[in-house]
């Protein structure tokens, strides 16, 4: 099993505009749902209604994801502000 042991340290996770990405994906899912609604009968005749409802589910799950990532982003900002305030209170110290 030793040959499967990682030989290097894992990279840092990528951070980016997570809220914007989730918002864009949610808008896209809802747009696809709305575009397919006029063709509901066509999808029903061919037993492909799951396409319509998949887009609706993607939009709803996107709203849940948007709530989650906005809360996560706010928590990260609160943590950074608290850490900055704690550093400011301690004053400049020599680093070892």
Protein backbone atom coordinates (compact mmCIF):
# COMPACT_ATOMS: atom_id res chain seq x y z
CA UNK A 1 0.00 0.00 0.00
CA UNK A 2 3.01 2.28 0.31
CA UNK A 3 3.03 2.95 -3.42
CA UNK A 4 -0.34 4.74 -3.05
CA UNK A 5 0.93 7.16 -0.42
CA UNK A 6 1.05 10.75 -1.63
CA UNK A 7 4.59 12.01 -2.18
CA UNK A 8 3.73 15.70 -2.05
CA UNK A 9 1.54 18.06 -0.11
CA UNK A 10 -1.98 18.73 -1.36
CA UNK A 11 -2.48 22.14 -3.03
CA UNK A 12 -4.55 24.86 -1.40
CA UNK A 13 -8.22 24.89 -2.46
CA UNK A 14 -9.12 27.36 -5.17
CA UNK A 15 -11.23 30.30 -4.11
CA UNK A 16 -13.11 32.44 -6.55
CA UNK A 17 -16.40 34.24 -7.05
CA UNK A 18 -18.43 31.36 -5.63
CA UNK A 19 -21.61 33.38 -5.06
CA UNK A 20 -21.57 34.71 -8.61
CA UNK A 21 -20.91 31.26 -10.05
CA UNK A 22 -23.82 29.68 -8.16
CA UNK A 23 -26.09 32.61 -9.04
CA UNK A 24 -25.21 32.27 -12.73
CA UNK A 25 -25.87 28.54 -12.68
CA UNK A 26 -29.20 29.02 -10.90
CA UNK A 27 -30.31 31.62 -13.43
CA UNK A 28 -29.30 29.27 -16.25
CA UNK A 29 -31.34 26.37 -14.81
CA UNK A 30 -34.43 28.56 -14.37
CA UNK A 31 -34.00 30.00 -17.87
CA UNK A 32 -33.86 26.49 -19.34
CA UNK A 33 -36.99 25.57 -17.37
CA UNK A 34 -38.89 28.60 -18.67
CA UNK A 35 -37.76 28.01 -22.26
CA UNK A 36 -39.03 24.42 -22.13
CA UNK A 37 -42.46 25.26 -20.67
CA UNK A 38 -44.08 26.15 -24.03
CA UNK A 39 -43.06 22.70 -25.29
CA UNK A 40 -44.50 20.83 -22.29
CA UNK A 41 -46.92 18.87 -24.49
CA UNK A 42 -44.15 17.86 -26.88
CA UNK A 43 -42.06 16.54 -23.98
CA UNK A 44 -45.11 14.77 -22.49
CA UNK A 45 -45.92 13.03 -25.81
CA UNK A 46 -42.42 11.59 -25.97
CA UNK A 47 -42.10 10.69 -22.27
CA UNK A 48 -39.35 13.27 -21.82
CA UNK A 49 -40.91 15.34 -19.04
CA UNK A 50 -37.91 14.62 -16.88
CA UNK A 51 -36.00 17.22 -18.96
CA UNK A 52 -38.39 19.94 -17.82
CA UNK A 53 -38.42 18.86 -14.18
CA UNK A 54 -34.65 18.40 -14.08
CA UNK A 55 -34.26 22.08 -14.97
CA UNK A 56 -36.79 23.06 -12.30
CA UNK A 57 -34.97 20.93 -9.71
CA UNK A 58 -31.64 22.46 -10.75
CA UNK A 59 -33.07 25.92 -10.18
CA UNK A 60 -34.47 25.05 -6.76
CA UNK A 61 -31.25 23.34 -5.69
CA UNK A 62 -29.38 26.38 -6.97
CA UNK A 63 -31.41 28.58 -4.63
CA UNK A 64 -30.44 26.32 -1.73
CA UNK A 65 -26.83 26.46 -2.86
CA UNK A 66 -27.00 30.24 -3.14
CA UNK A 67 -28.27 30.49 0.44
CA UNK A 68 -25.42 28.20 1.55
CA UNK A 69 -22.56 29.95 -0.25
CA UNK A 70 -23.75 33.42 0.82
CA UNK A 71 -23.72 32.23 4.43
CA UNK A 72 -20.29 30.67 3.96
CA UNK A 73 -18.94 33.85 2.37
CA UNK A 74 -20.30 35.96 5.24
CA UNK A 75 -18.76 33.58 7.80
CA UNK A 76 -15.37 33.76 6.08
CA UNK A 77 -15.52 37.56 6.09
CA UNK A 78 -16.50 37.62 9.78
CA UNK A 79 -13.62 35.29 10.61
CA UNK A 80 -11.13 37.42 8.64
CA UNK A 81 -12.38 40.59 10.36
CA UNK A 82 -12.11 38.98 13.82
CA UNK A 83 -8.59 37.72 13.07
CA UNK A 84 -7.58 41.18 11.84
CA UNK A 85 -9.02 42.82 14.95
CA UNK A 86 -7.20 40.35 17.18
CA UNK A 87 -3.90 41.10 15.39
CA UNK A 88 -4.49 44.84 15.79
CA UNK A 89 -5.15 44.46 19.52
CA UNK A 90 -1.98 42.43 20.08
CA UNK A 91 0.13 45.08 18.39
CA UNK A 92 3.29 44.47 16.38
CA UNK A 93 5.23 41.50 17.63
CA UNK A 94 8.43 39.92 16.47
CA UNK A 95 7.93 36.79 14.40
CA UNK A 96 10.04 33.78 15.13
